[in-house]
C-alpha atoms as a PDB file:
ATOM      1  CA  MET A   1       0.000   0.000   0.000  1.00  0.00           C
ATOM      2  CA  THR A   2       1.580   3.269  -1.168  1.00  0.00           C
ATOM      3  CA  LYS A   3       0.720   6.192   1.095  1.00  0.00           C
ATOM      4  CA  ILE A   4       0.643   9.499  -0.793  1.00  0.00           C
ATOM      5  CA  ALA A   5       0.800  13.159   0.267  1.00  0.00           C
ATOM      6  CA  LEU A   6      -0.324  15.884  -2.143  1.00  0.00           C
ATOM      7  CA  LEU A   7       1.086  19.411  -1.957  1.00  0.00           C
ATOM      8  CA  GLY A   8      -1.425  21.352  -4.003  1.00  0.00           C
ATOM      9  CA  PHE A   9      -5.017  20.363  -4.722  1.00  0.00           C
ATOM     10  CA  GLY A  10      -5.632  22.475  -7.807  1.00  0.00           C
ATOM     11  CA  THR A  11      -6.141  21.272 -11.363  1.00  0.00           C
ATOM     12  CA  VAL A  12      -3.357  18.672 -11.356  1.00  0.00           C
ATOM     13  CA  GLY A  13      -4.000  17.372  -7.828  1.00  0.00           C
ATOM     14  CA  GLN A  14      -7.688  16.903  -8.519  1.00  0.00           C
ATOM     15  CA  GLY A  15      -6.930  15.355 -11.918  1.00  0.00           C
ATOM     16  CA  LEU A  16      -4.585  12.832 -10.309  1.00  0.00           C
ATOM     17  CA  CYS A  17      -7.202  11.921  -7.677  1.00  0.00           C
ATOM     18  CA  GLU A  18      -9.822  11.375 -10.377  1.00  0.00           C
ATOM     19  CA  ILE A  19      -7.468   9.102 -12.325  1.00  0.00           C
ATOM     20  CA  LEU A  20      -6.521   7.100  -9.229  1.00  0.00           C
ATOM     21  CA  LYS A  21     -10.197   6.660  -8.313  1.00  0.00           C
ATOM     22  CA  ASP A  22     -11.342   5.745 -11.821  1.00  0.00           C
ATOM     23  CA  LYS A  23      -8.475   3.323 -12.475  1.00  0.00           C
ATOM     24  CA  ALA A  24      -8.067   1.836  -8.979  1.00  0.00           C
ATOM     25  CA  THR A  25      -9.177  -1.675  -9.988  1.00  0.00           C
ATOM     26  CA  TYR A  26      -7.154  -1.643 -13.206  1.00  0.00           C
ATOM     27  CA  LEU A  27      -3.991  -0.431 -11.450  1.00  0.00           C
ATOM     28  CA  LYS A  28      -4.319  -3.100  -8.757  1.00  0.00           C
ATOM     29  CA  GLU A  29      -4.912  -5.937 -11.226  1.00  0.00           C
ATOM     30  CA  LYS A  30      -2.305  -4.811 -13.786  1.00  0.00           C
ATOM     31  CA  TYR A  31       0.497  -3.549 -11.528  1.00  0.00           C
ATOM     32  CA  GLY A  32      -0.390  -4.705  -8.028  1.00  0.00           C
ATOM     33  CA  PHE A  33      -0.635  -1.021  -7.105  1.00  0.00           C
ATOM     34  CA  ASP A  34      -2.785  -0.020  -4.143  1.00  0.00           C
ATOM     35  CA  TYR A  35      -2.748   3.400  -2.503  1.00  0.00           C
ATOM     36  CA  GLU A  36      -4.117   5.747   0.127  1.00  0.00           C
ATOM     37  CA  ILE A  37      -3.954   9.531   0.059  1.00  0.00           C
ATOM     38  CA  VAL A  38      -3.098  10.408   3.652  1.00  0.00           C
ATOM     39  CA  ALA A  39      -2.189  14.121   3.519  1.00  0.00           C
ATOM     40  CA  VAL A  40      -3.133  17.120   1.396  1.00  0.00           C
ATOM     41  CA  ALA A  41      -1.972  20.726   1.713  1.00  0.00           C
ATOM     42  CA  ASP A  42      -3.549  23.517  -0.305  1.00  0.00           C
ATOM     43  CA  PHE A  43      -3.465  27.262   0.342  1.00  0.00           C
ATOM     44  CA  ALA A  44      -7.110  27.674  -0.722  1.00  0.00           C
ATOM     45  CA  PHE A  45      -8.710  24.559   0.810  1.00  0.00           C
ATOM     46  CA  GLY A  46      -6.551  23.956   3.894  1.00  0.00           C
ATOM     47  CA  ASN A  47      -4.293  21.200   5.234  1.00  0.00           C
ATOM     48  CA  VAL A  48      -5.677  17.767   6.112  1.00  0.00           C
ATOM     49  CA  TYR A  49      -4.147  14.527   7.402  1.00  0.00           C
ATOM     50  CA  ASN A  50      -5.394  11.072   8.249  1.00  0.00           C
ATOM     51  CA  PRO A  51      -2.771   8.300   8.541  1.00  0.00           C
ATOM     52  CA  ASN A  52      -5.402   5.741   7.510  1.00  0.00           C
ATOM     53  CA  GLY A  53      -6.510   7.619   4.399  1.00  0.00           C
ATOM     54  CA  LEU A  54      -8.506  10.761   3.642  1.00  0.00           C
ATOM     55  CA  ASP A  55     -12.048  11.011   2.294  1.00  0.00           C
ATOM     56  CA  VAL A  56     -11.033  11.971  -1.243  1.00  0.00           C
ATOM     57  CA  ASP A  57     -14.603  11.946  -2.608  1.00  0.00           C
ATOM     58  CA  LEU A  58     -15.606  14.569  -0.040  1.00  0.00           C
ATOM     59  CA  MET A  59     -12.498  16.636  -0.776  1.00  0.00           C
ATOM     60  CA  LEU A  60     -13.189  16.639  -4.530  1.00  0.00           C
ATOM     61  CA  LYS A  61     -16.769  17.676  -3.856  1.00  0.00           C
ATOM     62  CA  GLU A  62     -15.705  20.520  -1.548  1.00  0.00           C
ATOM     63  CA  ALA A  63     -13.012  21.691  -3.991  1.00  0.00           C
ATOM     64  CA  ALA A  64     -15.520  21.745  -6.862  1.00  0.00           C
ATOM     65  CA  ALA A  65     -17.752  23.946  -4.713  1.00  0.00           C
ATOM     66  CA  LYS A  66     -14.723  26.125  -3.855  1.00  0.00           C
ATOM     67  CA  GLN A  67     -15.217  25.325  -0.151  1.00  0.00           C
ATOM     68  CA  LYS A  68     -12.528  24.679   2.433  1.00  0.00           C
ATOM     69  CA  PHE A  69     -11.900  21.104   3.607  1.00  0.00           C
ATOM     70  CA  THR A  70     -14.041  20.181   6.612  1.00  0.00           C
ATOM     71  CA  LYS A  71     -12.760  16.723   7.601  1.00  0.00           C
ATOM     72  CA  ASP A  72      -9.373  15.701   9.099  1.00  0.00           C
ATOM     73  CA  VAL A  73      -8.227  19.357   9.196  1.00  0.00           C
ATOM     74  CA  VAL A  74      -4.878  19.822  10.965  1.00  0.00           C
ATOM     75  CA  ASP A  75      -3.043  22.833  12.362  1.00  0.00           C
ATOM     76  CA  MET A  76       0.284  22.167  10.621  1.00  0.00           C
ATOM     77  CA  ASP A  77       2.107  24.225   8.033  1.00  0.00           C
ATOM     78  CA  ASN A  78       3.150  22.527   4.793  1.00  0.00           C
ATOM     79  CA  VAL A  79       6.687  21.576   5.820  1.00  0.00           C
ATOM     80  CA  GLN A  80       5.567  20.227   9.196  1.00  0.00           C
ATOM     81  CA  LEU A  81       2.837  18.187   7.516  1.00  0.00           C
ATOM     82  CA  ILE A  82       5.310  16.735   5.012  1.00  0.00           C
ATOM     83  CA  LYS A  83       7.796  15.799   7.723  1.00  0.00           C
ATOM     84  CA  GLU A  84       5.308  14.342  10.212  1.00  0.00           C
ATOM     85  CA  CYS A  85       2.843  12.504   7.949  1.00  0.00           C
ATOM     86  CA  ASN A  86       3.222   8.780   7.245  1.00  0.00           C
ATOM     87  CA  ALA A  87       3.373   9.141   3.454  1.00  0.00           C
ATOM     88  CA  ASP A  88       5.897   7.122   1.441  1.00  0.00           C
ATOM     89  CA  LEU A  89       5.662   9.522  -1.463  1.00  0.00           C
ATOM     90  CA  MET A  90       4.942  13.223  -1.897  1.00  0.00           C
ATOM     91  CA  CYS A  91       3.511  14.793  -5.056  1.00  0.00           C
ATOM     92  CA  GLU A  92       4.554  18.458  -5.330  1.00  0.00           C
ATOM     93  CA  LEU A  93       1.844  20.076  -7.462  1.00  0.00           C
ATOM     94  CA  THR A  94       1.910  23.712  -6.372  1.00  0.00           C
ATOM     95  CA  TYR A  95       2.242  26.815  -8.538  1.00  0.00           C
ATOM     96  CA  THR A  96       5.465  27.144 -10.553  1.00  0.00           C
ATOM     97  CA  ASP A  97       7.850  29.987  -9.727  1.00  0.00           C
ATOM     98  CA  LEU A  98      10.786  30.016 -12.153  1.00  0.00           C
ATOM     99  CA  GLU A  99      12.534  32.917 -10.385  1.00  0.00           C
ATOM    100  CA  THR A 100      12.910  31.574  -6.832  1.00  0.00           C
ATOM    101  CA  GLY A 101      11.396  28.089  -6.989  1.00  0.00           C
ATOM    102  CA  GLY A 102       8.876  29.254  -4.407  1.00  0.00           C
ATOM    103  CA  PRO A 103       7.923  27.056  -1.468  1.00  0.00           C
ATOM    104  CA  ALA A 104       8.118  24.011  -3.767  1.00  0.00           C
ATOM    105  CA  ILE A 105      11.868  23.645  -3.191  1.00  0.00           C
ATOM    106  CA  ASP A 106      11.333  23.606   0.586  1.00  0.00           C
ATOM    107  CA  HIS A 107       8.551  21.036   0.142  1.00  0.00           C
ATOM    108  CA  CYS A 108      10.828  18.766  -1.921  1.00  0.00           C
ATOM    109  CA  LYS A 109      13.704  19.103   0.538  1.00  0.00           C
ATOM    110  CA  ALA A 110      11.460  18.281   3.518  1.00  0.00           C
ATOM    111  CA  ALA A 111      10.140  15.161   1.806  1.00  0.00           C
ATOM    112  CA  LEU A 112      13.528  13.900   0.625  1.00  0.00           C
ATOM    113  CA  GLU A 113      15.169  14.564   4.003  1.00  0.00           C
ATOM    114  CA  THR A 114      12.508  12.445   5.726  1.00  0.00           C
ATOM    115  CA  GLY A 115      12.905   9.515   3.307  1.00  0.00           C
ATOM    116  CA  LYS A 116       9.901  10.186   1.066  1.00  0.00           C
ATOM    117  CA  HIS A 117       9.969   9.811  -2.708  1.00  0.00           C
ATOM    118  CA  VAL A 118       9.082  12.994  -4.611  1.00  0.00           C
ATOM    119  CA  VAL A 119       7.084  13.235  -7.830  1.00  0.00           C
ATOM    120  CA  THR A 120       6.552  16.728  -9.210  1.00  0.00           C
ATOM    121  CA  SER A 121       5.037  18.609 -12.134  1.00  0.00           C
ATOM    122  CA  ASN A 122       6.469  21.860 -10.740  1.00  0.00           C
ATOM    123  CA  LYS A 123       9.144  23.287 -13.049  1.00  0.00           C
ATOM    124  CA  GLY A 124      10.631  25.488 -10.292  1.00  0.00           C
ATOM    125  CA  PRO A 125      12.589  22.831  -8.349  1.00  0.00           C
ATOM    126  CA  ALA A 126      13.420  20.909 -11.553  1.00  0.00           C
ATOM    127  CA  ALA A 127      14.761  23.931 -13.455  1.00  0.00           C
ATOM    128  CA  LEU A 128      16.504  25.714 -10.580  1.00  0.00           C
ATOM    129  CA  MET A 129      17.780  23.013  -8.218  1.00  0.00           C
ATOM    130  CA  PHE A 130      17.614  19.566  -9.801  1.00  0.00           C
ATOM    131  CA  PRO A 131      21.283  18.526  -9.227  1.00  0.00           C
ATOM    132  CA  GLU A 132      21.142  19.464  -5.539  1.00  0.00           C
ATOM    133  CA  LEU A 133      17.763  17.788  -4.992  1.00  0.00           C
ATOM    134  CA  LYS A 134      18.897  14.655  -6.846  1.00  0.00           C
ATOM    135  CA  LYS A 135      21.930  14.380  -4.523  1.00  0.00           C
ATOM    136  CA  LEU A 136      19.610  14.725  -1.533  1.00  0.00           C
ATOM    137  CA  ALA A 137      17.325  12.005  -2.920  1.00  0.00           C
ATOM    138  CA  ASP A 138      20.267   9.658  -3.537  1.00  0.00           C
ATOM    139  CA  ALA A 139      21.652  10.297  -0.044  1.00  0.00           C
ATOM    140  CA  ASN A 140      18.310   9.286   1.472  1.00  0.00           C
ATOM    141  CA  GLY A 141      17.694   6.286  -0.791  1.00  0.00           C
ATOM    142  CA  VAL A 142      14.594   7.719  -2.467  1.00  0.00           C
ATOM    143  CA  LYS A 143      13.613   8.862  -5.952  1.00  0.00           C
ATOM    144  CA  LEU A 144      12.996  12.320  -7.432  1.00  0.00           C
ATOM    145  CA  MET A 145      10.749  12.020 -10.511  1.00  0.00           C
ATOM    146  CA  ILE A 146       9.907  14.964 -12.791  1.00  0.00           C
ATOM    147  CA  GLU A 147       8.211  13.671 -15.965  1.00  0.00           C
ATOM    148  CA  GLY A 148       5.323  16.131 -15.559  1.00  0.00           C
ATOM    149  CA  THR A 149       7.599  19.187 -15.719  1.00  0.00           C
ATOM    150  CA  VAL A 150       8.082  18.931 -19.503  1.00  0.00           C
ATOM    151  CA  VAL A 151       5.104  18.557 -21.887  1.00  0.00           C
ATOM    152  CA  ALA A 152       2.680  17.170 -19.276  1.00  0.00           C
ATOM    153  CA  GLY A 153       1.867  13.486 -19.822  1.00  0.00           C
ATOM    154  CA  THR A 154       3.556  13.119 -23.215  1.00  0.00           C
ATOM    155  CA  PRO A 155       6.568  10.930 -22.317  1.00  0.00           C
ATOM    156  CA  ILE A 156       9.657  13.066 -22.840  1.00  0.00           C
ATOM    157  CA  ILE A 157      12.033  12.381 -19.948  1.00  0.00           C
ATOM    158  CA  ASN A 158      10.809   8.782 -19.722  1.00  0.00           C
ATOM    159  CA  LEU A 159      11.411   8.412 -23.479  1.00  0.00           C
ATOM    160  CA  THR A 160      15.074   9.356 -23.145  1.00  0.00           C
ATOM    161  CA  ASP A 161      15.493   7.161 -20.073  1.00  0.00           C
ATOM    162  CA  GLY A 162      13.563   4.199 -21.504  1.00  0.00           C
ATOM    163  CA  PRO A 163      12.982   3.526 -25.217  1.00  0.00           C
ATOM    164  CA  LEU A 164      15.911   5.745 -26.302  1.00  0.00           C
ATOM    165  CA  ALA A 165      18.306   4.367 -23.671  1.00  0.00           C
ATOM    166  CA  GLY A 166      21.567   3.425 -25.400  1.00  0.00           C
ATOM    167  CA  CYS A 167      21.258   6.230 -27.958  1.00  0.00           C
ATOM    168  CA  GLU A 168      23.458   9.269 -27.580  1.00  0.00           C
ATOM    169  CA  ILE A 169      21.241  12.322 -27.959  1.00  0.00           C
ATOM    170  CA  SER A 170      23.117  15.252 -29.496  1.00  0.00           C
ATOM    171  CA  LYS A 171      20.202  17.640 -30.014  1.00  0.00           C
ATOM    172  CA  ILE A 172      16.637  18.211 -28.820  1.00  0.00           C
ATOM    173  CA  ARG A 173      14.481  20.767 -30.649  1.00  0.00           C
ATOM    174  CA  GLY A 174      10.805  21.384 -30.370  1.00  0.00           C
ATOM    175  CA  ILE A 175       7.596  23.121 -29.453  1.00  0.00           C
ATOM    176  CA  LEU A 176       7.497  23.286 -25.671  1.00  0.00           C
ATOM    177  CA  ASN A 177       4.690  25.798 -25.127  1.00  0.00           C
ATOM    178  CA  GLY A 178       1.167  25.101 -26.348  1.00  0.00           C
ATOM    179  CA  THR A 179      -0.099  28.663 -25.831  1.00  0.00           C
ATOM    180  CA  THR A 180       2.383  30.232 -28.227  1.00  0.00           C
ATOM    181  CA  ASN A 181       1.938  27.415 -30.749  1.00  0.00           C
ATOM    182  CA  TYR A 182      -1.816  28.017 -30.717  1.00  0.00           C
ATOM    183  CA  MET A 183      -1.267  31.762 -31.197  1.00  0.00           C
ATOM    184  CA  LEU A 184       1.119  31.296 -34.138  1.00  0.00           C
ATOM    185  CA  SER A 185      -1.300  28.794 -35.706  1.00  0.00           C
ATOM    186  CA  GLU A 186      -4.132  31.345 -35.478  1.00  0.00           C
ATOM    187  CA  MET A 187      -1.951  34.156 -36.845  1.00  0.00           C
ATOM    188  CA  GLU A 188      -1.515  32.075 -39.991  1.00  0.00           C
ATOM    189  CA  LYS A 189      -5.270  32.484 -40.502  1.00  0.00           C
ATOM    190  CA  GLY A 190      -4.822  36.259 -40.585  1.00  0.00           C
ATOM    191  CA  MET A 191      -5.413  37.266 -36.961  1.00  0.00           C
ATOM    192  CA  ALA A 192      -3.053  39.921 -35.557  1.00  0.00           C
ATOM    193  CA  TYR A 193      -0.947  39.208 -32.444  1.00  0.00           C
ATOM    194  CA  ASP A 194      -2.968  41.357 -30.008  1.00  0.00           C
ATOM    195  CA  ASP A 195      -6.269  39.867 -31.199  1.00  0.00           C
ATOM    196  CA  VAL A 196      -5.084  36.285 -30.993  1.00  0.00           C
ATOM    197  CA  LEU A 197      -3.649  36.872 -27.512  1.00  0.00           C
ATOM    198  CA  LYS A 198      -7.080  37.990 -26.303  1.00  0.00           C
ATOM    199  CA  VAL A 199      -8.690  34.859 -27.783  1.00  0.00           C
ATOM    200  CA  ALA A 200      -6.026  32.666 -26.142  1.00  0.00           C
ATOM    201  CA  GLN A 201      -6.787  34.330 -22.797  1.00  0.00           C
ATOM    202  CA  ASP A 202     -10.543  33.861 -23.268  1.00  0.00           C
ATOM    203  CA  LEU A 203      -9.972  30.156 -24.008  1.00  0.00           C
ATOM    204  CA  GLY A 204      -7.798  29.747 -20.919  1.00  0.00           C
ATOM    205  CA  TYR A 205      -4.632  28.942 -22.896  1.00  0.00           C
ATOM    206  CA  ALA A 206      -2.958  32.187 -21.801  1.00  0.00           C
ATOM    207  CA  GLU A 207      -2.993  33.711 -18.319  1.00  0.00           C
ATOM    208  CA  ALA A 208      -4.203  37.248 -17.566  1.00  0.00           C
ATOM    209  CA  ASP A 209      -0.452  38.016 -17.420  1.00  0.00           C
ATOM    210  CA  PRO A 210       0.794  36.010 -20.446  1.00  0.00           C
ATOM    211  CA  THR A 211       4.467  36.955 -20.007  1.00  0.00           C
ATOM    212  CA  GLY A 212       5.646  33.468 -19.042  1.00  0.00           C
ATOM    213  CA  ASP A 213       4.320  32.040 -22.299  1.00  0.00           C
ATOM    214  CA  VAL A 214       4.744  34.779 -24.908  1.00  0.00           C
ATOM    215  CA  GLU A 215       8.217  35.887 -23.769  1.00  0.00           C
ATOM    216  CA  GLY A 216       9.437  32.268 -23.814  1.00  0.00           C
ATOM    217  CA  PHE A 217      10.115  31.941 -20.070  1.00  0.00           C
ATOM    218  CA  ASP A 218       8.026  28.766 -19.678  1.00  0.00           C
ATOM    219  CA  ALA A 219       9.870  27.119 -22.577  1.00  0.00           C
ATOM    220  CA  ARG A 220      13.231  28.287 -21.145  1.00  0.00           C
ATOM    221  CA  GLY A 221      12.489  26.450 -17.878  1.00  0.00           C
ATOM    222  CA  LYS A 222      11.763  23.261 -19.820  1.00  0.00           C
ATOM    223  CA  VAL A 223      14.917  23.650 -21.935  1.00  0.00           C
ATOM    224  CA  THR A 224      16.964  23.963 -18.725  1.00  0.00           C
ATOM    225  CA  ILE A 225      15.389  20.787 -17.347  1.00  0.00           C
ATOM    226  CA  LEU A 226      16.074  18.841 -20.564  1.00  0.00           C
ATOM    227  CA  ALA A 227      19.681  20.082 -20.725  1.00  0.00           C
ATOM    228  CA  ASN A 228      20.389  19.008 -17.151  1.00  0.00           C
ATOM    229  CA  ILE A 229      18.474  15.721 -17.151  1.00  0.00           C
ATOM    230  CA  VAL A 230      19.154  14.380 -20.641  1.00  0.00           C
ATOM    231  CA  MET A 231      22.613  15.850 -21.256  1.00  0.00           C
ATOM    232  CA  ASP A 232      23.860  16.298 -17.672  1.00  0.00           C
ATOM    233  CA  ALA A 233      24.765  19.885 -18.589  1.00  0.00           C
ATOM    234  CA  GLY A 234      24.688  21.487 -15.150  1.00  0.00           C
ATOM    235  CA  ILE A 235      23.475  24.781 -16.624  1.00  0.00           C
ATOM    236  CA  LYS A 236      21.384  27.473 -14.951  1.00  0.00           C
ATOM    237  CA  ILE A 237      18.152  28.905 -16.347  1.00  0.00           C
ATOM    238  CA  SER A 238      20.000  32.202 -16.924  1.00  0.00           C
ATOM    239  CA  ASP A 239      22.407  30.379 -19.284  1.00  0.00           C
ATOM    240  CA  VAL A 240      19.575  29.731 -21.761  1.00  0.00           C
ATOM    241  CA  SER A 241      19.095  32.552 -24.283  1.00  0.00           C
ATOM    242  CA  CYS A 242      15.435  33.486 -24.615  1.00  0.00           C
ATOM    243  CA  GLU A 243      13.271  35.354 -27.105  1.00  0.00           C
ATOM    244  CA  GLY A 244       9.484  35.123 -27.303  1.00  0.00           C
ATOM    245  CA  ILE A 245       6.906  35.676 -30.048  1.00  0.00           C
ATOM    246  CA  THR A 246       5.824  39.237 -29.194  1.00  0.00           C
ATOM    247  CA  LYS A 247       7.608  40.730 -32.224  1.00  0.00           C
ATOM    248  CA  ILE A 248       6.136  38.323 -34.801  1.00  0.00           C
ATOM    249  CA  THR A 249       3.938  40.243 -37.251  1.00  0.00           C
ATOM    250  CA  LEU A 250       1.523  39.223 -39.991  1.00  0.00           C
ATOM    251  CA  ASP A 251       4.240  40.284 -42.477  1.00  0.00           C
ATOM    252  CA  ASP A 252       6.587  37.746 -40.870  1.00  0.00           C
ATOM    253  CA  ILE A 253       3.876  35.091 -41.185  1.00  0.00           C
ATOM    254  CA  ALA A 254       3.462  35.924 -44.890  1.00  0.00           C
ATOM    255  CA  LYS A 255       7.231  35.809 -45.455  1.00  0.00           C
ATOM    256  CA  ALA A 256       7.434  32.314 -43.935  1.00  0.00           C
ATOM    257  CA  LYS A 257       4.533  31.141 -46.085  1.00  0.00           C
ATOM    258  CA  ALA A 258       6.295  32.442 -49.220  1.00  0.00           C
ATOM    259  CA  GLU A 259       9.377  30.411 -48.242  1.00  0.00           C
ATOM    260  CA  ASN A 260       7.339  27.223 -47.633  1.00  0.00           C
ATOM    261  CA  ALA A 261       7.859  27.462 -43.877  1.00  0.00           C
ATOM    262  CA  ARG A 262       5.959  28.454 -40.759  1.00  0.00           C
ATOM    263  CA  TRP A 263       6.925  30.147 -37.503  1.00  0.00           C
ATOM    264  CA  LYS A 264       7.343  28.083 -34.369  1.00  0.00           C
ATOM    265  CA  LEU A 265       8.716  29.030 -30.943  1.00  0.00           C
ATOM    266  CA  ILE A 266      11.530  26.508 -30.723  1.00  0.00           C
ATOM    267  CA  GLY A 267      13.230  25.377 -27.542  1.00  0.00           C
ATOM    268  CA  SER A 268      16.602  23.833 -28.317  1.00  0.00           C
ATOM    269  CA  VAL A 269      19.309  21.932 -26.450  1.00  0.00           C
ATOM    270  CA  GLU A 270      22.425  20.978 -28.401  1.00  0.00           C
ATOM    271  CA  LYS A 271      25.879  19.571 -27.698  1.00  0.00           C
ATOM    272  CA  LYS A 272      28.508  21.704 -29.455  1.00  0.00           C
ATOM    273  CA  ASP A 273      32.264  21.240 -29.012  1.00  0.00           C
ATOM    274  CA  GLY A 274      31.816  19.550 -25.640  1.00  0.00           C
ATOM    275  CA  LYS A 275      29.407  22.224 -24.372  1.00  0.00           C
ATOM    276  CA  VAL A 276      25.634  22.117 -24.056  1.00  0.00           C
ATOM    277  CA  ILE A 277      23.869  25.160 -25.482  1.00  0.00           C
ATOM    278  CA  GLY A 278      20.240  25.946 -24.652  1.00  0.00           C
ATOM    279  CA  SER A 279      18.024  28.490 -26.386  1.00  0.00           C
ATOM    280  CA  VAL A 280      14.435  29.581 -26.970  1.00  0.00           C
ATOM    281  CA  ALA A 281      13.534  31.659 -30.041  1.00  0.00           C
ATOM    282  CA  PRO A 282      11.028  31.902 -32.893  1.00  0.00           C
ATOM    283  CA  GLU A 283      12.216  30.095 -36.011  1.00  0.00           C
ATOM    284  CA  MET A 284      10.937  29.596 -39.520  1.00  0.00           C
ATOM    285  CA  VAL A 285      10.601  25.810 -39.743  1.00  0.00           C
ATOM    286  CA  SER A 286      10.548  24.218 -43.190  1.00  0.00           C
ATOM    287  CA  MET A 287       7.228  22.570 -44.075  1.00  0.00           C
ATOM    288  CA  THR A 288       9.189  19.369 -44.756  1.00  0.00           C
ATOM    289  CA  HIS A 289      10.055  19.044 -41.038  1.00  0.00           C
ATOM    290  CA  PRO A 290       7.643  17.109 -38.757  1.00  0.00           C
ATOM    291  CA  LEU A 291       7.508  20.050 -36.295  1.00  0.00           C
ATOM    292  CA  ALA A 292       5.947  22.304 -38.970  1.00  0.00           C
ATOM    293  CA  GLY A 293       2.776  20.202 -39.027  1.00  0.00           C
ATOM    294  CA  VAL A 294       2.165  20.493 -35.274  1.00  0.00           C
ATOM    295  CA  MET A 295      -0.626  23.027 -34.893  1.00  0.00           C
ATOM    296  CA  GLY A 296      -2.800  24.434 -32.113  1.00  0.00           C
ATOM    297  CA  ALA A 297      -2.008  23.924 -28.425  1.00  0.00           C
ATOM    298  CA  THR A 298      -0.035  20.722 -29.131  1.00  0.00           C
ATOM    299  CA  ASN A 299       3.638  20.185 -28.224  1.00  0.00           C
ATOM    300  CA  ALA A 300       6.331  18.189 -30.034  1.00  0.00           C
ATOM    301  CA  LEU A 301      10.024  17.414 -29.731  1.00  0.00           C
ATOM    302  CA  THR A 302      12.581  16.019 -32.171  1.00  0.00           C
ATOM    303  CA  PHE A 303      15.490  14.070 -30.669  1.00  0.00           C
ATOM    304  CA  THR A 304      18.619  13.746 -32.820  1.00  0.00           C
ATOM    305  CA  THR A 305      20.328  10.445 -31.949  1.00  0.00           C
ATOM    306  CA  ASP A 306      23.364   8.507 -33.132  1.00  0.00           C
ATOM    307  CA  LEU A 307      21.575   5.178 -33.648  1.00  0.00           C
ATOM    308  CA  MET A 308      18.032   6.142 -34.661  1.00  0.00           C
ATOM    309  CA  GLY A 309      18.546   9.452 -36.436  1.00  0.00           C
ATOM    310  CA  ASP A 310      15.730  11.905 -35.728  1.00  0.00           C
ATOM    311  CA  VAL A 311      12.840  10.724 -33.535  1.00  0.00           C
ATOM    312  CA  THR A 312       9.852  13.052 -33.124  1.00  0.00           C
ATOM    313  CA  ILE A 313       7.172  12.718 -30.452  1.00  0.00           C
ATOM    314  CA  VAL A 314       3.930  14.732 -30.543  1.00  0.00           C
ATOM    315  CA  GLY A 315       1.352  15.096 -27.775  1.00  0.00           C
ATOM    316  CA  PRO A 316      -0.541  17.346 -25.385  1.00  0.00           C
ATOM    317  CA  GLY A 317       1.572  19.697 -23.274  1.00  0.00           C
ATOM    318  CA  ALA A 318      -0.977  20.635 -20.634  1.00  0.00           C
ATOM    319  CA  GLY A 319      -4.319  19.678 -19.149  1.00  0.00           C
ATOM    320  CA  LYS A 320      -5.864  18.316 -15.973  1.00  0.00           C
ATOM    321  CA  ILE A 321      -5.885  14.626 -16.919  1.00  0.00           C
ATOM    322  CA  GLU A 322      -2.770  14.816 -19.101  1.00  0.00           C
ATOM    323  CA  THR A 323      -0.602  16.267 -16.314  1.00  0.00           C
ATOM    324  CA  GLY A 324      -2.284  14.016 -13.757  1.00  0.00           C
ATOM    325  CA  PHE A 325      -1.241  11.083 -15.946  1.00  0.00           C
ATOM    326  CA  SER A 326       2.391  12.237 -15.879  1.00  0.00           C
ATOM    327  CA  ILE A 327       2.283  12.047 -12.080  1.00  0.00           C
ATOM    328  CA  LEU A 328       0.726   8.579 -12.275  1.00  0.00           C
ATOM    329  CA  THR A 329       3.479   7.279 -14.575  1.00  0.00           C
ATOM    330  CA  ASP A 330       6.163   8.402 -12.111  1.00  0.00           C
ATOM    331  CA  ILE A 331       4.243   6.933  -9.142  1.00  0.00           C
ATOM    332  CA  LEU A 332       3.999   3.607 -10.979  1.00  0.00           C
ATOM    333  CA  ALA A 333       7.703   3.702 -11.879  1.00  0.00           C
ATOM    334  CA  ILE A 334       8.549   4.102  -8.189  1.00  0.00           C
ATOM    335  CA  HIS A 335       6.102   1.329  -7.255  1.00  0.00           C
ATOM    336  CA  ARG A 336       7.586  -1.089  -9.804  1.00  0.00           C
ATOM    337  CA  SER A 337      11.149  -0.325  -8.746  1.00  0.00           C
END
């Protein structure tokens, strides 16, 4: 029986709980996986703990009604709850802060120091402190899993660690931000940047403050993670050059079309002369390349390998169930190991 603590009960936390509930029988029969959620901390709903398992159905109902938790409420802050609960595994699902890492880094440290595995979809700890946190995990004999930090549930890190194991990867290039890809796709239909941004905000693709997406900062965090995980680069987020899509005009779109290409915001990691170089910038991608055909809020990455040549994977880069699934895959990997 795996005992799980959730830090954050927003979209991803609720999505994970729904998946675990819906697939409980399947997961037990297929993988011998059984679980209890024993602790949850959320700034909006409160902190709850029951060593024998929480009433998740009630919690989902209360969260849907935007009400605070009413059962098993405890007077512990997040770090105290992490350290004192009987969870084997903590899922860090709080809001991403790519400048400081926010409280997520403290949450991860507290879990690892007390011998708990950590699974996270939070790019902050992964982009800013992965080497240090990995050392802490190794020292305490537990795992730090971060599949959900890059392209949600589409298997990117697991692909390099699993099916592509044995291949040397010299370059990774791709579409790492669904919001900007959607916007560029719509601009091809003739909609100006400011207009398409408003539509993206209305649809929920872009935040009220869209800076993280349109200036490339979200993609830069993911590039940093890929550089450090896949290529062991040891680079900082500030080492990755970054340009967003805010200067792309309809004239630029027309120019690309005339050259049989289309604009994409490309995140890139490449080994050059023994160094790993990371970048984010808009590029005109030839229509003959698989990335050119990836439209809307979809993500895609092309891996350049020594044994397989170019391998491209396409899939959703965000979403409640999609990101929840990424957490599930890491939980199952820990369970099976």
